[in-house]
Amino acid sequence: MSLTTTLQYDNSSLCADYIRDRPKYPSHIISSIVDYIKEGKDTPTSGRFPLAVDVGCGPGVTSTSPLSPYFDKVLGVDISEAQIKEANLHNEFDNIEYKVVSGRHYH
C-alpha cells in the first residue's frame, strides 16, 4: 500500500462518515465467529477466550466492540491514526486496546 493510499485513511471526516454509514454486523455474525472458535478449542471455564485480534478495525464499532464479551482481551489494529483515535474515543470496554500498526514491517 502506498503512502498516499495510507494517508487517505487518516482523515477525521472519513472516520466520521465510516462510523455513521458503516452498517454494524448482525449479532448472528459475531455468534458464528465465536461458535467457529469453539469448534476448534475447548471453551475456557471462564466462558471467555484469551485474545482476539481485529486487523483493520477502523473505529472499532463493527467487530472489535461486539467481540469484547467473548474474550479476555481484544486488540484492534489499523493503519490509520485517525481511525484508532476515534476507536479510543468511543471505547467503553476495559478489555479492548487499540494500536496503530503498519503492514510494512510484515513483508
C-alpha atoms as a PDB file:
ATOM      1  CA  MET A   1       0.000   0.000   0.000  1.00  0.00           C
ATOM      2  CA  SER A   2       1.428   3.359  -0.952  1.00  0.00           C
ATOM      3  CA  LEU A   3       1.881   6.227   1.462  1.00  0.00           C
ATOM      4  CA  THR A   4      -0.760   8.189  -0.495  1.00  0.00           C
ATOM      5  CA  THR A   5      -3.287   5.399  -0.034  1.00  0.00           C
ATOM      6  CA  THR A   6      -2.450   5.118   3.649  1.00  0.00           C
ATOM      7  CA  LEU A   7      -2.913   8.859   4.178  1.00  0.00           C
ATOM      8  CA  GLN A   8      -6.423   8.671   2.688  1.00  0.00           C
ATOM      9  CA  TYR A   9      -7.460   6.678   5.746  1.00  0.00           C
ATOM     10  CA  ASP A  10      -6.021   9.272   8.144  1.00  0.00           C
ATOM     11  CA  ASN A  11      -8.842  11.719   7.664  1.00  0.00           C
ATOM     12  CA  SER A  12     -11.164  12.657  10.533  1.00  0.00           C
ATOM     13  CA  SER A  13     -14.006  13.391   8.111  1.00  0.00           C
ATOM     14  CA  LEU A  14     -13.677   9.898   6.640  1.00  0.00           C
ATOM     15  CA  CYS A  15     -13.748   8.467  10.175  1.00  0.00           C
ATOM     16  CA  ALA A  16     -16.999  10.270  10.954  1.00  0.00           C
ATOM     17  CA  ASP A  17     -18.510   9.020   7.685  1.00  0.00           C
ATOM     18  CA  TYR A  18     -17.343   5.496   8.438  1.00  0.00           C
ATOM     19  CA  ILE A  19     -18.913   5.476  11.896  1.00  0.00           C
ATOM     20  CA  ARG A  20     -22.156   6.962  10.587  1.00  0.00           C
ATOM     21  CA  ASP A  21     -22.547   4.906   7.404  1.00  0.00           C
ATOM     22  CA  ARG A  22     -20.869   1.564   8.033  1.00  0.00           C
ATOM     23  CA  PRO A  23     -23.507  -0.993   8.969  1.00  0.00           C
ATOM     24  CA  LYS A  24     -22.951  -2.959  12.146  1.00  0.00           C
ATOM     25  CA  TYR A  25     -22.649  -6.728  11.873  1.00  0.00           C
ATOM     26  CA  PRO A  26     -25.804  -8.549  12.941  1.00  0.00           C
ATOM     27  CA  SER A  27     -25.376 -10.422  16.228  1.00  0.00           C
ATOM     28  CA  HIS A  28     -25.546 -13.786  14.443  1.00  0.00           C
ATOM     29  CA  ILE A  29     -22.286 -12.951  12.623  1.00  0.00           C
ATOM     30  CA  ILE A  30     -20.456 -12.466  15.924  1.00  0.00           C
ATOM     31  CA  SER A  31     -22.106 -15.635  17.273  1.00  0.00           C
ATOM     32  CA  SER A  32     -20.894 -17.530  14.187  1.00  0.00           C
ATOM     33  CA  ILE A  33     -17.328 -16.351  14.785  1.00  0.00           C
ATOM     34  CA  VAL A  34     -17.440 -17.444  18.421  1.00  0.00           C
ATOM     35  CA  ASP A  35     -19.066 -20.784  17.515  1.00  0.00           C
ATOM     36  CA  TYR A  36     -16.329 -21.396  14.930  1.00  0.00           C
ATOM     37  CA  ILE A  37     -13.659 -20.811  17.568  1.00  0.00           C
ATOM     38  CA  LYS A  38     -15.458 -23.127  19.998  1.00  0.00           C
ATOM     39  CA  GLU A  39     -15.344 -25.922  17.397  1.00  0.00           C
ATOM     40  CA  GLY A  40     -11.551 -25.867  17.417  1.00  0.00           C
ATOM     41  CA  LYS A  41     -10.936 -25.195  21.097  1.00  0.00           C
ATOM     42  CA  ASP A  42     -12.357 -26.156  24.429  1.00  0.00           C
ATOM     43  CA  THR A  43     -14.265 -23.255  25.886  1.00  0.00           C
ATOM     44  CA  PRO A  44     -12.375 -21.895  28.898  1.00  0.00           C
ATOM     45  CA  THR A  45     -14.110 -22.322  32.243  1.00  0.00           C
ATOM     46  CA  SER A  46     -14.487 -18.543  32.376  1.00  0.00           C
ATOM     47  CA  GLY A  47     -16.506 -18.742  29.158  1.00  0.00           C
ATOM     48  CA  ARG A  48     -14.128 -16.238  27.558  1.00  0.00           C
ATOM     49  CA  PHE A  49     -11.251 -16.917  25.206  1.00  0.00           C
ATOM     50  CA  PRO A  50      -7.870 -15.269  25.893  1.00  0.00           C
ATOM     51  CA  LEU A  51      -7.376 -13.000  22.874  1.00  0.00           C
ATOM     52  CA  ALA A  52      -8.992 -11.730  19.683  1.00  0.00           C
ATOM     53  CA  VAL A  53      -7.162  -9.516  17.195  1.00  0.00           C
ATOM     54  CA  ASP A  54      -9.228  -7.361  14.844  1.00  0.00           C
ATOM     55  CA  VAL A  55      -6.972  -6.419  11.919  1.00  0.00           C
ATOM     56  CA  GLY A  56      -8.217  -3.347  10.072  1.00  0.00           C
ATOM     57  CA  CYS A  57     -10.507  -2.452  12.968  1.00  0.00           C
ATOM     58  CA  GLY A  58     -11.210   1.116  11.857  1.00  0.00           C
ATOM     59  CA  PRO A  59     -13.043   2.927  14.658  1.00  0.00           C
ATOM     60  CA  GLY A  60     -13.791  -0.374  16.394  1.00  0.00           C
ATOM     61  CA  VAL A  61     -17.565  -0.305  16.141  1.00  0.00           C
ATOM     62  CA  THR A  62     -18.050  -3.033  13.540  1.00  0.00           C
ATOM     63  CA  SER A  63     -16.432  -6.052  15.147  1.00  0.00           C
ATOM     64  CA  THR A  64     -13.964  -5.091  17.880  1.00  0.00           C
ATOM     65  CA  SER A  65     -16.562  -3.948  20.411  1.00  0.00           C
ATOM     66  CA  PRO A  66     -19.041  -6.783  19.707  1.00  0.00           C
ATOM     67  CA  LEU A  67     -16.256  -9.344  20.311  1.00  0.00           C
ATOM     68  CA  SER A  68     -15.472  -7.899  23.742  1.00  0.00           C
ATOM     69  CA  PRO A  69     -17.841 -10.074  25.830  1.00  0.00           C
ATOM     70  CA  TYR A  70     -16.286 -13.280  24.473  1.00  0.00           C
ATOM     71  CA  PHE A  71     -12.584 -12.541  25.058  1.00  0.00           C
ATOM     72  CA  ASP A  72     -10.379 -11.558  27.984  1.00  0.00           C
ATOM     73  CA  LYS A  73      -8.596  -9.121  25.674  1.00  0.00           C
ATOM     74  CA  VAL A  74      -9.429  -7.728  22.246  1.00  0.00           C
ATOM     75  CA  LEU A  75      -6.726  -5.933  20.282  1.00  0.00           C
ATOM     76  CA  GLY A  76      -7.879  -3.719  17.426  1.00  0.00           C
ATOM     77  CA  VAL A  77      -5.197  -2.674  14.952  1.00  0.00           C
ATOM     78  CA  ASP A  78      -5.371  -0.330  11.973  1.00  0.00           C
ATOM     79  CA  ILE A  79      -3.015   1.649   9.736  1.00  0.00           C
ATOM     80  CA  SER A  80      -4.919   4.863  10.377  1.00  0.00           C
ATOM     81  CA  GLU A  81      -4.087   7.041  13.364  1.00  0.00           C
ATOM     82  CA  ALA A  82      -7.386   8.884  12.856  1.00  0.00           C
ATOM     83  CA  GLN A  83      -9.393   5.642  13.000  1.00  0.00           C
ATOM     84  CA  ILE A  84      -7.586   4.494  16.149  1.00  0.00           C
ATOM     85  CA  LYS A  85      -8.144   7.903  17.745  1.00  0.00           C
ATOM     86  CA  GLU A  86     -11.894   7.508  17.088  1.00  0.00           C
ATOM     87  CA  ALA A  87     -11.810   3.942  18.399  1.00  0.00           C
ATOM     88  CA  ASN A  88     -10.219   5.098  21.650  1.00  0.00           C
ATOM     89  CA  LEU A  89     -12.718   7.960  21.970  1.00  0.00           C
ATOM     90  CA  HIS A  90     -15.682   5.585  21.769  1.00  0.00           C
ATOM     91  CA  ASN A  91     -14.192   2.617  23.625  1.00  0.00           C
ATOM     92  CA  GLU A  92     -16.440   1.599  26.523  1.00  0.00           C
ATOM     93  CA  PHE A  93     -14.653  -1.668  27.353  1.00  0.00           C
ATOM     94  CA  ASP A  94     -11.733  -2.247  29.723  1.00  0.00           C
ATOM     95  CA  ASN A  95     -10.589  -5.330  27.799  1.00  0.00           C
ATOM     96  CA  ILE A  96     -10.138  -3.575  24.428  1.00  0.00           C
ATOM     97  CA  GLU A  97      -6.887  -1.976  23.326  1.00  0.00           C
ATOM     98  CA  TYR A  98      -6.321  -0.178  20.023  1.00  0.00           C
ATOM     99  CA  LYS A  99      -2.997   0.302  18.242  1.00  0.00           C
ATOM    100  CA  VAL A 100      -1.774   1.870  15.027  1.00  0.00           C
ATOM    101  CA  VAL A 101       0.269  -0.652  13.057  1.00  0.00           C
ATOM    102  CA  SER A 102       1.873  -0.626   9.646  1.00  0.00           C
ATOM    103  CA  GLY A 103       1.944  -3.675   7.432  1.00  0.00           C
ATOM    104  CA  ARG A 104       5.282  -2.522   6.055  1.00  0.00           C
ATOM    105  CA  HIS A 105       7.083  -4.396   8.795  1.00  0.00           C
ATOM    106  CA  TYR A 106       5.495  -7.705   7.821  1.00  0.00           C
ATOM    107  CA  HIS A 107       6.529  -8.054   4.160  1.00  0.00           C
END
